[in-house]
C-alpha cells in the first residue's frame, strides 16, 4: 500500500491535496494554508504548498474547470495567496464556481497529469 510519506514528490502531494480540496469544495468549505499543511504533513509546513497547489491550479486551467485552489486561503485575509493564478477581483465568483462544480463526477488527476500541467505552465 502506498502512502503520502514525507518524501513524496510534489505531483504525489498534489494528488493528496486534490482529494482534501474536493471534499472541502463539495461541503462548501475553505481550507487555510496552515490547516492544509497540517492535514498533509501532520504539522505546519510553511512554504511547501506553493508548488503543490500550482500543480492543481494549472491542471484546472488546462482542463477548463473551476480553480479548485480558490478555496485555499490565508488565515488572516481569508483570500488565496498572491502566487495562486487567480484574478483577485473575481475571487468570490471563482470560489462559488468551485462550490457549484460536481467534483465527484470527474476522475481525479494522476501524478503524471498534474506534473504535465505544471511543467507546461512553467515554460510560459
PDB file of N, CA and C in Angstrom:
ATOM      1  N   UNK A   1       0.841  -1.171   0.000  1.00  0.00           N
ATOM      2  CA  UNK A   1       0.000   0.000   0.000  1.00  0.00           C
ATOM      3  C   UNK A   1       0.888   1.237   0.000  1.00  0.00           C
ATOM      4  N   UNK A   2       0.580   2.169  -0.879  1.00  0.00           N
ATOM      5  CA  UNK A   2       1.327   3.419  -0.943  1.00  0.00           C
ATOM      6  C   UNK A   2       0.733   4.424   0.036  1.00  0.00           C
ATOM      7  N   UNK A   3       1.605   5.241   0.585  1.00  0.00           N
ATOM      8  CA  UNK A   3       1.162   6.331   1.450  1.00  0.00           C
ATOM      9  C   UNK A   3       1.845   7.612   1.009  1.00  0.00           C
ATOM     10  N   UNK A   4       1.295   8.732   1.454  1.00  0.00           N
ATOM     11  CA  UNK A   4       1.896  10.025   1.174  1.00  0.00           C
ATOM     12  C   UNK A   4       2.900  10.308   2.285  1.00  0.00           C
ATOM     13  N   UNK A   5       4.060   9.720   2.177  1.00  0.00           N
ATOM     14  CA  UNK A   5       5.067   9.876   3.228  1.00  0.00           C
ATOM     15  C   UNK A   5       5.797  11.201   3.065  1.00  0.00           C
ATOM     16  N   UNK A   6       6.618  11.567   4.033  1.00  0.00           N
ATOM     17  CA  UNK A   6       7.295  12.868   3.966  1.00  0.00           C
ATOM     18  C   UNK A   6       8.190  13.088   2.747  1.00  0.00           C
ATOM     19  N   UNK A   7       8.576  12.028   2.058  1.00  0.00           N
ATOM     20  CA  UNK A   7       9.470  12.213   0.915  1.00  0.00           C
ATOM     21  C   UNK A   7       8.740  12.202  -0.426  1.00  0.00           C
ATOM     22  N   UNK A   8       7.405  12.183  -0.413  1.00  0.00           N
ATOM     23  CA  UNK A   8       6.648  12.177  -1.665  1.00  0.00           C
ATOM     24  C   UNK A   8       6.950  13.437  -2.473  1.00  0.00           C
ATOM     25  N   UNK A   9       7.040  13.285  -3.779  1.00  0.00           N
ATOM     26  CA  UNK A   9       7.311  14.405  -4.681  1.00  0.00           C
ATOM     27  C   UNK A   9       6.072  15.293  -4.809  1.00  0.00           C
ATOM     28  N   UNK A  10       6.259  16.492  -5.363  1.00  0.00           N
ATOM     29  CA  UNK A  10       5.154  17.438  -5.487  1.00  0.00           C
ATOM     30  C   UNK A  10       3.936  16.883  -6.229  1.00  0.00           C
ATOM     31  N   UNK A  11       4.096  16.182  -7.351  1.00  0.00           N
ATOM     32  CA  UNK A  11       2.896  15.655  -8.023  1.00  0.00           C
ATOM     33  C   UNK A  11       2.099  14.690  -7.138  1.00  0.00           C
ATOM     34  N   UNK A  12       2.779  13.867  -6.361  1.00  0.00           N
ATOM     35  CA  UNK A  12       2.072  12.955  -5.449  1.00  0.00           C
ATOM     36  C   UNK A  12       1.354  13.745  -4.369  1.00  0.00           C
ATOM     37  N   UNK A  13       2.013  14.736  -3.826  1.00  0.00           N
ATOM     38  CA  UNK A  13       1.376  15.575  -2.804  1.00  0.00           C
ATOM     39  C   UNK A  13       0.217  16.364  -3.399  1.00  0.00           C
ATOM     40  N   UNK A  14       0.291  16.702  -4.673  1.00  0.00           N
ATOM     41  CA  UNK A  14      -0.816  17.392  -5.330  1.00  0.00           C
ATOM     42  C   UNK A  14      -2.035  16.480  -5.431  1.00  0.00           C
ATOM     43  N   UNK A  15      -1.820  15.182  -5.665  1.00  0.00           N
ATOM     44  CA  UNK A  15      -2.926  14.218  -5.658  1.00  0.00           C
ATOM     45  C   UNK A  15      -3.566  14.205  -4.270  1.00  0.00           C
ATOM     46  N   UNK A  16      -2.740  14.205  -3.245  1.00  0.00           N
ATOM     47  CA  UNK A  16      -3.241  14.215  -1.873  1.00  0.00           C
ATOM     48  C   UNK A  16      -4.050  15.482  -1.606  1.00  0.00           C
ATOM     49  N   UNK A  17      -3.502  16.627  -1.979  1.00  0.00           N
ATOM     50  CA  UNK A  17      -4.195  17.896  -1.767  1.00  0.00           C
ATOM     51  C   UNK A  17      -5.505  17.922  -2.561  1.00  0.00           C
ATOM     52  N   UNK A  18      -5.491  17.396  -3.783  1.00  0.00           N
ATOM     53  CA  UNK A  18      -6.692  17.335  -4.607  1.00  0.00           C
ATOM     54  C   UNK A  18      -7.815  16.634  -3.831  1.00  0.00           C
ATOM     55  N   UNK A  19      -7.502  15.490  -3.248  1.00  0.00           N
ATOM     56  CA  UNK A  19      -8.515  14.722  -2.513  1.00  0.00           C
ATOM     57  C   UNK A  19      -9.103  15.542  -1.360  1.00  0.00           C
ATOM     58  N   UNK A  20      -8.245  16.201  -0.630  1.00  0.00           N
ATOM     59  CA  UNK A  20      -8.692  17.016   0.503  1.00  0.00           C
ATOM     60  C   UNK A  20      -9.562  18.171   0.020  1.00  0.00           C
ATOM     61  N   UNK A  21      -9.099  18.863  -1.015  1.00  0.00           N
ATOM     62  CA  UNK A  21      -9.812  20.041  -1.509  1.00  0.00           C
ATOM     63  C   UNK A  21     -11.152  19.681  -2.145  1.00  0.00           C
ATOM     64  N   UNK A  22     -11.229  18.560  -2.821  1.00  0.00           N
ATOM     65  CA  UNK A  22     -12.502  18.136  -3.397  1.00  0.00           C
ATOM     66  C   UNK A  22     -13.521  17.900  -2.283  1.00  0.00           C
ATOM     67  N   UNK A  23     -13.109  17.232  -1.223  1.00  0.00           N
ATOM     68  CA  UNK A  23     -14.019  17.009  -0.099  1.00  0.00           C
ATOM     69  C   UNK A  23     -14.504  18.322   0.489  1.00  0.00           C
ATOM     70  N   UNK A  24     -13.598  19.257   0.644  1.00  0.00           N
ATOM     71  CA  UNK A  24     -13.969  20.565   1.192  1.00  0.00           C
ATOM     72  C   UNK A  24     -14.885  21.316   0.230  1.00  0.00           C
ATOM     73  N   UNK A  25     -14.568  21.300  -1.059  1.00  0.00           N
ATOM     74  CA  UNK A  25     -15.391  22.006  -2.042  1.00  0.00           C
ATOM     75  C   UNK A  25     -16.819  21.462  -2.063  1.00  0.00           C
ATOM     76  N   UNK A  26     -16.947  20.166  -1.993  1.00  0.00           N
ATOM     77  CA  UNK A  26     -18.279  19.568  -2.036  1.00  0.00           C
ATOM     78  C   UNK A  26     -19.088  19.883  -0.775  1.00  0.00           C
ATOM     79  N   UNK A  27     -18.404  20.313   0.279  1.00  0.00           N
ATOM     80  CA  UNK A  27     -19.071  20.717   1.517  1.00  0.00           C
ATOM     81  C   UNK A  27     -19.067  22.228   1.710  1.00  0.00           C
ATOM     82  N   UNK A  28     -18.725  22.964   0.626  1.00  0.00           N
ATOM     83  CA  UNK A  28     -18.704  24.430   0.640  1.00  0.00           C
ATOM     84  C   UNK A  28     -17.824  24.972   1.762  1.00  0.00           C
ATOM     85  N   UNK A  29     -16.642  24.387   1.907  1.00  0.00           N
ATOM     86  CA  UNK A  29     -15.690  24.809   2.923  1.00  0.00           C
ATOM     87  C   UNK A  29     -14.431  25.360   2.270  1.00  0.00           C
ATOM     88  N   UNK A  30     -13.731  26.219   2.995  1.00  0.00           N
ATOM     89  CA  UNK A  30     -12.404  26.640   2.584  1.00  0.00           C
ATOM     90  C   UNK A  30     -11.390  25.896   3.441  1.00  0.00           C
ATOM     91  N   UNK A  31     -10.144  25.986   3.048  1.00  0.00           N
ATOM     92  CA  UNK A  31      -9.033  25.431   3.824  1.00  0.00           C
ATOM     93  C   UNK A  31      -7.991  26.527   3.947  1.00  0.00           C
ATOM     94  N   UNK A  32      -7.414  26.687   5.118  1.00  0.00           N
ATOM     95  CA  UNK A  32      -6.297  27.622   5.249  1.00  0.00           C
ATOM     96  C   UNK A  32      -5.029  26.896   4.831  1.00  0.00           C
ATOM     97  N   UNK A  33      -4.029  27.665   4.441  1.00  0.00           N
ATOM     98  CA  UNK A  33      -2.736  27.064   4.097  1.00  0.00           C
ATOM     99  C   UNK A  33      -2.207  26.274   5.287  1.00  0.00           C
ATOM    100  N   UNK A  34      -2.332  26.857   6.462  1.00  0.00           N
ATOM    101  CA  UNK A  34      -1.858  26.189   7.675  1.00  0.00           C
ATOM    102  C   UNK A  34      -2.624  24.890   7.915  1.00  0.00           C
ATOM    103  N   UNK A  35      -3.950  24.949   7.810  1.00  0.00           N
ATOM    104  CA  UNK A  35      -4.763  23.757   8.037  1.00  0.00           C
ATOM    105  C   UNK A  35      -4.482  22.663   7.029  1.00  0.00           C
ATOM    106  N   UNK A  36      -4.291  23.057   5.768  1.00  0.00           N
ATOM    107  CA  UNK A  36      -3.982  22.079   4.731  1.00  0.00           C
ATOM    108  C   UNK A  36      -2.627  21.430   4.986  1.00  0.00           C
ATOM    109  N   UNK A  37      -1.650  22.222   5.387  1.00  0.00           N
ATOM    110  CA  UNK A  37      -0.329  21.642   5.655  1.00  0.00           C
ATOM    111  C   UNK A  37      -0.387  20.691   6.850  1.00  0.00           C
ATOM    112  N   UNK A  38      -1.207  20.999   7.831  1.00  0.00           N
ATOM    113  CA  UNK A  38      -1.346  20.104   8.985  1.00  0.00           C
ATOM    114  C   UNK A  38      -2.004  18.792   8.552  1.00  0.00           C
ATOM    115  N   UNK A  39      -3.036  18.873   7.709  1.00  0.00           N
ATOM    116  CA  UNK A  39      -3.670  17.650   7.210  1.00  0.00           C
ATOM    117  C   UNK A  39      -2.699  16.800   6.400  1.00  0.00           C
ATOM    118  N   UNK A  40      -1.843  17.458   5.611  1.00  0.00           N
ATOM    119  CA  UNK A  40      -0.947  16.730   4.720  1.00  0.00           C
ATOM    120  C   UNK A  40       0.346  16.270   5.387  1.00  0.00           C
ATOM    121  N   UNK A  41       0.870  17.082   6.289  1.00  0.00           N
ATOM    122  CA  UNK A  41       2.186  16.801   6.864  1.00  0.00           C
ATOM    123  C   UNK A  41       2.156  16.521   8.365  1.00  0.00           C
ATOM    124  N   UNK A  42       0.995  16.705   8.978  1.00  0.00           N
ATOM    125  CA  UNK A  42       0.893  16.487  10.417  1.00  0.00           C
ATOM    126  C   UNK A  42       1.471  17.622  11.231  1.00  0.00           C
ATOM    127  N   UNK A  43       1.816  18.712  10.579  1.00  0.00           N
ATOM    128  CA  UNK A  43       2.389  19.877  11.256  1.00  0.00           C
ATOM    129  C   UNK A  43       2.299  21.069  10.315  1.00  0.00           C
ATOM    130  N   UNK A  44       2.537  22.250  10.856  1.00  0.00           N
ATOM    131  CA  UNK A  44       2.615  23.422   9.995  1.00  0.00           C
ATOM    132  C   UNK A  44       3.854  23.273   9.118  1.00  0.00           C
ATOM    133  N   UNK A  45       3.670  23.439   7.848  1.00  0.00           N
ATOM    134  CA  UNK A  45       4.785  23.279   6.907  1.00  0.00           C
ATOM    135  C   UNK A  45       4.804  24.501   6.001  1.00  0.00           C
ATOM    136  N   UNK A  46       5.185  25.606   6.561  1.00  0.00           N
ATOM    137  CA  UNK A  46       5.180  26.874   5.828  1.00  0.00           C
ATOM    138  C   UNK A  46       6.041  26.796   4.573  1.00  0.00           C
ATOM    139  N   UNK A  47       5.505  27.332   3.481  1.00  0.00           N
ATOM    140  CA  UNK A  47       6.271  27.437   2.248  1.00  0.00           C
ATOM    141  C   UNK A  47       6.301  26.217   1.359  1.00  0.00           C
ATOM    142  N   UNK A  48       5.680  25.125   1.763  1.00  0.00           N
ATOM    143  CA  UNK A  48       5.761  23.917   0.933  1.00  0.00           C
ATOM    144  C   UNK A  48       4.576  23.742  -0.011  1.00  0.00           C
ATOM    145  N   UNK A  49       3.535  24.518   0.172  1.00  0.00           N
ATOM    146  CA  UNK A  49       2.325  24.284  -0.604  1.00  0.00           C
ATOM    147  C   UNK A  49       2.293  24.984  -1.961  1.00  0.00           C
ATOM    148  N   UNK A  50       3.131  25.972  -2.181  1.00  0.00           N
ATOM    149  CA  UNK A  50       3.061  26.755  -3.423  1.00  0.00           C
ATOM    150  C   UNK A  50       3.149  25.866  -4.663  1.00  0.00           C
ATOM    151  N   UNK A  51       4.169  25.069  -4.775  1.00  0.00           N
ATOM    152  CA  UNK A  51       4.331  24.218  -5.966  1.00  0.00           C
ATOM    153  C   UNK A  51       3.263  23.134  -6.017  1.00  0.00           C
ATOM    154  N   UNK A  52       2.897  22.610  -4.871  1.00  0.00           N
ATOM    155  CA  UNK A  52       1.863  21.569  -4.819  1.00  0.00           C
ATOM    156  C   UNK A  52       0.546  22.128  -5.337  1.00  0.00           C
ATOM    157  N   UNK A  53       0.148  23.288  -4.826  1.00  0.00           N
ATOM    158  CA  UNK A  53      -1.093  23.911  -5.279  1.00  0.00           C
ATOM    159  C   UNK A  53      -0.973  24.401  -6.724  1.00  0.00           C
ATOM    160  N   UNK A  54       0.241  24.755  -7.134  1.00  0.00           N
ATOM    161  CA  UNK A  54       0.458  25.140  -8.528  1.00  0.00           C
ATOM    162  C   UNK A  54       0.110  24.014  -9.484  1.00  0.00           C
ATOM    163  N   UNK A  55       0.454  22.793  -9.122  1.00  0.00           N
ATOM    164  CA  UNK A  55       0.104  21.637  -9.951  1.00  0.00           C
ATOM    165  C   UNK A  55      -1.416  21.582 -10.159  1.00  0.00           C
ATOM    166  N   UNK A  56      -2.156  21.779  -9.089  1.00  0.00           N
ATOM    167  CA  UNK A  56      -3.617  21.720  -9.156  1.00  0.00           C
ATOM    168  C   UNK A  56      -4.164  22.904  -9.949  1.00  0.00           C
ATOM    169  N   UNK A  57      -3.657  24.089  -9.670  1.00  0.00           N
ATOM    170  CA  UNK A  57      -4.141  25.294 -10.357  1.00  0.00           C
ATOM    171  C   UNK A  57      -3.961  25.182 -11.861  1.00  0.00           C
ATOM    172  N   UNK A  58      -2.783  24.751 -12.288  1.00  0.00           N
ATOM    173  CA  UNK A  58      -2.517  24.652 -13.718  1.00  0.00           C
ATOM    174  C   UNK A  58      -3.315  23.515 -14.363  1.00  0.00           C
ATOM    175  N   UNK A  59      -3.545  22.436 -13.626  1.00  0.00           N
ATOM    176  CA  UNK A  59      -4.386  21.353 -14.136  1.00  0.00           C
ATOM    177  C   UNK A  59      -5.802  21.872 -14.378  1.00  0.00           C
ATOM    178  N   UNK A  60      -6.311  22.659 -13.449  1.00  0.00           N
ATOM    179  CA  UNK A  60      -7.651  23.229 -13.607  1.00  0.00           C
ATOM    180  C   UNK A  60      -7.713  24.148 -14.828  1.00  0.00           C
ATOM    181  N   UNK A  61      -6.688  24.964 -15.003  1.00  0.00           N
ATOM    182  CA  UNK A  61      -6.632  25.852 -16.173  1.00  0.00           C
ATOM    183  C   UNK A  61      -6.619  25.026 -17.458  1.00  0.00           C
ATOM    184  N   UNK A  62      -5.749  24.026 -17.507  1.00  0.00           N
ATOM    185  CA  UNK A  62      -5.612  23.186 -18.706  1.00  0.00           C
ATOM    186  C   UNK A  62      -6.912  22.473 -19.071  1.00  0.00           C
ATOM    187  N   UNK A  63      -7.707  22.137 -18.065  1.00  0.00           N
ATOM    188  CA  UNK A  63      -8.913  21.340 -18.299  1.00  0.00           C
ATOM    189  C   UNK A  63     -10.205  22.152 -18.218  1.00  0.00           C
ATOM    190  N   UNK A  64     -10.060  23.458 -18.144  1.00  0.00           N
ATOM    191  CA  UNK A  64     -11.215  24.366 -18.160  1.00  0.00           C
ATOM    192  C   UNK A  64     -12.244  24.023 -17.084  1.00  0.00           C
ATOM    193  N   UNK A  65     -11.738  23.779 -15.883  1.00  0.00           N
ATOM    194  CA  UNK A  65     -12.613  23.545 -14.735  1.00  0.00           C
ATOM    195  C   UNK A  65     -12.339  24.638 -13.701  1.00  0.00           C
ATOM    196  N   UNK A  66     -13.276  24.872 -12.790  1.00  0.00           N
ATOM    197  CA  UNK A  66     -13.073  25.941 -11.806  1.00  0.00           C
ATOM    198  C   UNK A  66     -11.763  25.751 -11.031  1.00  0.00           C
ATOM    199  N   UNK A  67     -11.157  26.849 -10.605  1.00  0.00           N
ATOM    200  CA  UNK A  67      -9.861  26.778  -9.912  1.00  0.00           C
ATOM    201  C   UNK A  67     -10.008  26.251  -8.485  1.00  0.00           C
ATOM    202  N   UNK A  68      -9.836  24.966  -8.332  1.00  0.00           N
ATOM    203  CA  UNK A  68     -10.001  24.312  -7.029  1.00  0.00           C
ATOM    204  C   UNK A  68      -9.166  24.982  -5.936  1.00  0.00           C
ATOM    205  N   UNK A  69      -8.044  25.551  -6.314  1.00  0.00           N
ATOM    206  CA  UNK A  69      -7.176  26.209  -5.338  1.00  0.00           C
ATOM    207  C   UNK A  69      -7.771  27.505  -4.798  1.00  0.00           C
ATOM    208  N   UNK A  70      -8.875  27.972  -5.369  1.00  0.00           N
ATOM    209  CA  UNK A  70      -9.512  29.200  -4.891  1.00  0.00           C
ATOM    210  C   UNK A  70     -10.079  29.046  -3.487  1.00  0.00           C
ATOM    211  N   UNK A  71     -10.225  27.813  -3.019  1.00  0.00           N
ATOM    212  CA  UNK A  71     -10.764  27.626  -1.668  1.00  0.00           C
ATOM    213  C   UNK A  71      -9.666  27.502  -0.616  1.00  0.00           C
ATOM    214  N   UNK A  72      -8.411  27.640  -1.025  1.00  0.00           N
ATOM    215  CA  UNK A  72      -7.300  27.642  -0.070  1.00  0.00           C
ATOM    216  C   UNK A  72      -6.956  29.099   0.214  1.00  0.00           C
ATOM    217  N   UNK A  73      -7.082  29.485   1.477  1.00  0.00           N
ATOM    218  CA  UNK A  73      -6.960  30.892   1.834  1.00  0.00           C
ATOM    219  C   UNK A  73      -5.981  31.094   2.991  1.00  0.00           C
ATOM    220  N   UNK A  74      -5.507  32.324   3.087  1.00  0.00           N
ATOM    221  CA  UNK A  74      -4.665  32.701   4.214  1.00  0.00           C
ATOM    222  C   UNK A  74      -5.499  32.815   5.482  1.00  0.00           C
ATOM    223  N   UNK A  75      -4.892  32.538   6.606  1.00  0.00           N
ATOM    224  CA  UNK A  75      -5.595  32.569   7.888  1.00  0.00           C
ATOM    225  C   UNK A  75      -6.141  33.959   8.189  1.00  0.00           C
ATOM    226  N   UNK A  76      -5.360  34.982   7.944  1.00  0.00           N
ATOM    227  CA  UNK A  76      -5.783  36.346   8.246  1.00  0.00           C
ATOM    228  C   UNK A  76      -6.731  36.924   7.227  1.00  0.00           C
ATOM    229  N   UNK A  77      -6.260  37.060   5.962  1.00  0.00           N
ATOM    230  CA  UNK A  77      -7.085  37.752   4.975  1.00  0.00           C
ATOM    231  C   UNK A  77      -8.261  36.939   4.432  1.00  0.00           C
ATOM    232  N   UNK A  78      -8.217  35.622   4.557  1.00  0.00           N
ATOM    233  CA  UNK A  78      -9.293  34.803   4.010  1.00  0.00           C
ATOM    234  C   UNK A  78      -9.348  34.789   2.500  1.00  0.00           C
ATOM    235  N   UNK A  79      -8.219  35.072   1.856  1.00  0.00           N
ATOM    236  CA  UNK A  79      -8.120  35.090   0.390  1.00  0.00           C
ATOM    237  C   UNK A  79      -6.933  34.217  -0.028  1.00  0.00           C
ATOM    238  N   UNK A  80      -6.952  33.717  -1.274  1.00  0.00           N
ATOM    239  CA  UNK A  80      -5.799  32.949  -1.767  1.00  0.00           C
ATOM    240  C   UNK A  80      -4.539  33.810  -1.806  1.00  0.00           C
ATOM    241  N   UNK A  81      -3.399  33.168  -1.741  1.00  0.00           N
ATOM    242  CA  UNK A  81      -2.121  33.862  -1.804  1.00  0.00           C
ATOM    243  C   UNK A  81      -1.871  34.499  -3.157  1.00  0.00           C
ATOM    244  N   UNK A  82      -0.947  35.419  -3.182  1.00  0.00           N
ATOM    245  CA  UNK A  82      -0.616  36.158  -4.401  1.00  0.00           C
ATOM    246  C   UNK A  82      -0.076  35.271  -5.516  1.00  0.00           C
ATOM    247  N   UNK A  83       0.538  34.149  -5.169  1.00  0.00           N
ATOM    248  CA  UNK A  83       1.172  33.306  -6.179  1.00  0.00           C
ATOM    249  C   UNK A  83       0.202  32.329  -6.834  1.00  0.00           C
ATOM    250  N   UNK A  84      -1.040  32.274  -6.346  1.00  0.00           N
ATOM    251  CA  UNK A  84      -2.040  31.397  -6.955  1.00  0.00           C
ATOM    252  C   UNK A  84      -2.579  32.090  -8.204  1.00  0.00           C
ATOM    253  N   UNK A  85      -2.575  31.414  -9.361  1.00  0.00           N
ATOM    254  CA  UNK A  85      -3.051  32.053 -10.593  1.00  0.00           C
ATOM    255  C   UNK A  85      -4.569  32.221 -10.572  1.00  0.00           C
ATOM    256  N   UNK A  86      -5.003  33.343 -10.018  1.00  0.00           N
ATOM    257  CA  UNK A  86      -6.420  33.616  -9.842  1.00  0.00           C
ATOM    258  C   UNK A  86      -6.621  35.120  -9.851  1.00  0.00           C
ATOM    259  N   UNK A  87      -7.615  35.575 -10.559  1.00  0.00           N
ATOM    260  CA  UNK A  87      -7.926  37.000 -10.600  1.00  0.00           C
ATOM    261  C   UNK A  87      -8.520  37.398  -9.253  1.00  0.00           C
ATOM    262  N   UNK A  88      -7.773  38.154  -8.457  1.00  0.00           N
ATOM    263  CA  UNK A  88      -8.201  38.531  -7.108  1.00  0.00           C
ATOM    264  C   UNK A  88      -9.524  39.285  -7.108  1.00  0.00           C
ATOM    265  N   UNK A  89      -9.790  40.045  -8.160  1.00  0.00           N
ATOM    266  CA  UNK A  89     -11.037  40.807  -8.246  1.00  0.00           C
ATOM    267  C   UNK A  89     -12.248  39.882  -8.398  1.00  0.00           C
ATOM    268  N   UNK A  90     -12.003  38.675  -8.891  1.00  0.00           N
ATOM    269  CA  UNK A  90     -13.097  37.724  -9.104  1.00  0.00           C
ATOM    270  C   UNK A  90     -13.060  36.576  -8.100  1.00  0.00           C
ATOM    271  N   UNK A  91     -12.396  36.773  -6.977  1.00  0.00           N
ATOM    272  CA  UNK A  91     -12.219  35.694  -6.008  1.00  0.00           C
ATOM    273  C   UNK A  91     -13.544  35.064  -5.571  1.00  0.00           C
ATOM    274  N   UNK A  92     -14.503  35.883  -5.167  1.00  0.00           N
ATOM    275  CA  UNK A  92     -15.781  35.341  -4.687  1.00  0.00           C
ATOM    276  C   UNK A  92     -16.506  34.564  -5.781  1.00  0.00           C
ATOM    277  N   UNK A  93     -16.477  35.092  -6.992  1.00  0.00           N
ATOM    278  CA  UNK A  93     -17.112  34.433  -8.129  1.00  0.00           C
ATOM    279  C   UNK A  93     -16.440  33.094  -8.437  1.00  0.00           C
ATOM    280  N   UNK A  94     -15.115  33.080  -8.418  1.00  0.00           N
ATOM    281  CA  UNK A  94     -14.375  31.840  -8.700  1.00  0.00           C
ATOM    282  C   UNK A  94     -14.607  30.799  -7.609  1.00  0.00           C
ATOM    283  N   UNK A  95     -14.627  31.231  -6.370  1.00  0.00           N
ATOM    284  CA  UNK A  95     -14.878  30.302  -5.255  1.00  0.00           C
ATOM    285  C   UNK A  95     -16.271  29.690  -5.396  1.00  0.00           C
ATOM    286  N   UNK A  96     -17.240  30.496  -5.781  1.00  0.00           N
ATOM    287  CA  UNK A  96     -18.606  29.980  -5.951  1.00  0.00           C
ATOM    288  C   UNK A  96     -18.666  28.959  -7.082  1.00  0.00           C
ATOM    289  N   UNK A  97     -17.912  29.173  -8.152  1.00  0.00           N
ATOM    290  CA  UNK A  97     -17.843  28.194  -9.244  1.00  0.00           C
ATOM    291  C   UNK A  97     -17.273  26.866  -8.734  1.00  0.00           C
ATOM    292  N   UNK A  98     -16.277  26.968  -7.868  1.00  0.00           N
ATOM    293  CA  UNK A  98     -15.689  25.751  -7.284  1.00  0.00           C
ATOM    294  C   UNK A  98     -16.746  25.007  -6.481  1.00  0.00           C
ATOM    295  N   UNK A  99     -17.499  25.733  -5.665  1.00  0.00           N
ATOM    296  CA  UNK A  99     -18.532  25.097  -4.841  1.00  0.00           C
ATOM    297  C   UNK A  99     -19.638  24.467  -5.683  1.00  0.00           C
ATOM    298  N   UNK A 100     -19.954  25.058  -6.815  1.00  0.00           N
ATOM    299  CA  UNK A 100     -21.058  24.556  -7.634  1.00  0.00           C
ATOM    300  C   UNK A 100     -20.654  23.397  -8.547  1.00  0.00           C
ATOM    301  N   UNK A 101     -19.364  23.221  -8.758  1.00  0.00           N
ATOM    302  CA  UNK A 101     -18.893  22.151  -9.658  1.00  0.00           C
ATOM    303  C   UNK A 101     -19.081  20.787  -9.000  1.00  0.00           C
ATOM    304  N   UNK A 102     -19.472  19.788  -9.787  1.00  0.00           N
ATOM    305  CA  UNK A 102     -19.631  18.433  -9.261  1.00  0.00           C
ATOM    306  C   UNK A 102     -18.292  17.693  -9.357  1.00  0.00           C
ATOM    307  N   UNK A 103     -17.450  17.890  -8.384  1.00  0.00           N
ATOM    308  CA  UNK A 103     -16.101  17.315  -8.372  1.00  0.00           C
ATOM    309  C   UNK A 103     -16.120  15.803  -8.295  1.00  0.00           C
ATOM    310  N   UNK A 104     -17.172  15.245  -7.707  1.00  0.00           N
ATOM    311  CA  UNK A 104     -17.243  13.791  -7.587  1.00  0.00           C
ATOM    312  C   UNK A 104     -17.591  13.123  -8.914  1.00  0.00           C
ATOM    313  N   UNK A 105     -17.926  13.910  -9.934  1.00  0.00           N
ATOM    314  CA  UNK A 105     -18.290  13.359 -11.224  1.00  0.00           C
ATOM    315  C   UNK A 105     -17.101  13.231 -12.176  1.00  0.00           C
ATOM    316  N   UNK A 106     -15.937  13.709 -11.757  1.00  0.00           N
ATOM    317  CA  UNK A 106     -14.769  13.607 -12.634  1.00  0.00           C
ATOM    318  C   UNK A 106     -13.702  12.729 -11.973  1.00  0.00           C
ATOM    319  N   UNK A 107     -12.970  12.046 -12.809  1.00  0.00           N
ATOM    320  CA  UNK A 107     -11.860  11.244 -12.294  1.00  0.00           C
ATOM    321  C   UNK A 107     -10.789  12.183 -11.758  1.00  0.00           C
ATOM    322  N   UNK A 108     -10.222  11.877 -10.601  1.00  0.00           N
ATOM    323  CA  UNK A 108      -9.129  12.725 -10.116  1.00  0.00           C
ATOM    324  C   UNK A 108      -7.905  12.588 -11.022  1.00  0.00           C
ATOM    325  N   UNK A 109      -7.135  13.645 -11.122  1.00  0.00           N
ATOM    326  CA  UNK A 109      -5.942  13.576 -11.967  1.00  0.00           C
ATOM    327  C   UNK A 109      -4.877  12.668 -11.355  1.00  0.00           C
ATOM    328  N   UNK A 110      -4.058  12.111 -12.206  1.00  0.00           N
ATOM    329  CA  UNK A 110      -2.930  11.296 -11.746  1.00  0.00           C
ATOM    330  C   UNK A 110      -1.739  12.209 -11.457  1.00  0.00           C
ATOM    331  N   UNK A 111      -0.719  11.640 -10.862  1.00  0.00           N
ATOM    332  CA  UNK A 111       0.523  12.390 -10.651  1.00  0.00           C
ATOM    333  C   UNK A 111       1.058  12.896 -11.990  1.00  0.00           C
ATOM    334  N   UNK A 112       1.009  12.046 -13.005  1.00  0.00           N
ATOM    335  CA  UNK A 112       1.524  12.422 -14.332  1.00  0.00           C
ATOM    336  C   UNK A 112       0.701  13.566 -14.938  1.00  0.00           C
ATOM    337  N   UNK A 113      -0.612  13.522 -14.786  1.00  0.00           N
ATOM    338  CA  UNK A 113      -1.471  14.593 -15.302  1.00  0.00           C
ATOM    339  C   UNK A 113      -1.118  15.931 -14.649  1.00  0.00           C
ATOM    340  N   UNK A 114      -0.978  15.910 -13.342  1.00  0.00           N
ATOM    341  CA  UNK A 114      -0.665  17.130 -12.591  1.00  0.00           C
ATOM    342  C   UNK A 114       0.726  17.648 -12.944  1.00  0.00           C
ATOM    343  N   UNK A 115       1.678  16.743 -13.058  1.00  0.00           N
ATOM    344  CA  UNK A 115       3.053  17.139 -13.393  1.00  0.00           C
ATOM    345  C   UNK A 115       3.120  17.749 -14.791  1.00  0.00           C
ATOM    346  N   UNK A 116       2.385  17.174 -15.738  1.00  0.00           N
ATOM    347  CA  UNK A 116       2.393  17.686 -17.107  1.00  0.00           C
ATOM    348  C   UNK A 116       1.815  19.099 -17.170  1.00  0.00           C
ATOM    349  N   UNK A 117       0.725  19.339 -16.461  1.00  0.00           N
ATOM    350  CA  UNK A 117       0.111  20.663 -16.454  1.00  0.00           C
ATOM    351  C   UNK A 117       1.062  21.677 -15.819  1.00  0.00           C
ATOM    352  N   UNK A 118       1.704  21.298 -14.738  1.00  0.00           N
ATOM    353  CA  UNK A 118       2.643  22.190 -14.057  1.00  0.00           C
ATOM    354  C   UNK A 118       3.816  22.521 -14.966  1.00  0.00           C
ATOM    355  N   UNK A 119       4.362  21.485 -15.604  1.00  0.00           N
ATOM    356  CA  UNK A 119       5.513  21.679 -16.491  1.00  0.00           C
ATOM    357  C   UNK A 119       5.156  22.572 -17.676  1.00  0.00           C
ATOM    358  N   UNK A 120       3.979  22.364 -18.239  1.00  0.00           N
ATOM    359  CA  UNK A 120       3.550  23.166 -19.393  1.00  0.00           C
ATOM    360  C   UNK A 120       3.467  24.652 -19.039  1.00  0.00           C
ATOM    361  N   UNK A 121       3.063  24.958 -17.828  1.00  0.00           N
ATOM    362  CA  UNK A 121       2.924  26.361 -17.439  1.00  0.00           C
ATOM    363  C   UNK A 121       4.226  26.956 -16.911  1.00  0.00           C
ATOM    364  N   UNK A 122       5.185  26.136 -16.612  1.00  0.00           N
ATOM    365  CA  UNK A 122       6.495  26.658 -16.191  1.00  0.00           C
ATOM    366  C   UNK A 122       7.267  27.214 -17.367  1.00  0.00           C
ATOM    367  N   UNK A 123       6.940  26.729 -18.559  1.00  0.00           N
ATOM    368  CA  UNK A 123       7.599  27.217 -19.768  1.00  0.00           C
ATOM    369  C   UNK A 123       7.069  28.580 -20.185  1.00  0.00           C
ATOM    370  N   UNK A 124       5.832  28.889 -19.773  1.00  0.00           N
ATOM    371  CA  UNK A 124       5.169  30.135 -20.185  1.00  0.00           C
ATOM    372  C   UNK A 124       5.830  31.347 -19.582  1.00  0.00           C
TER     373      UNK A 124
END
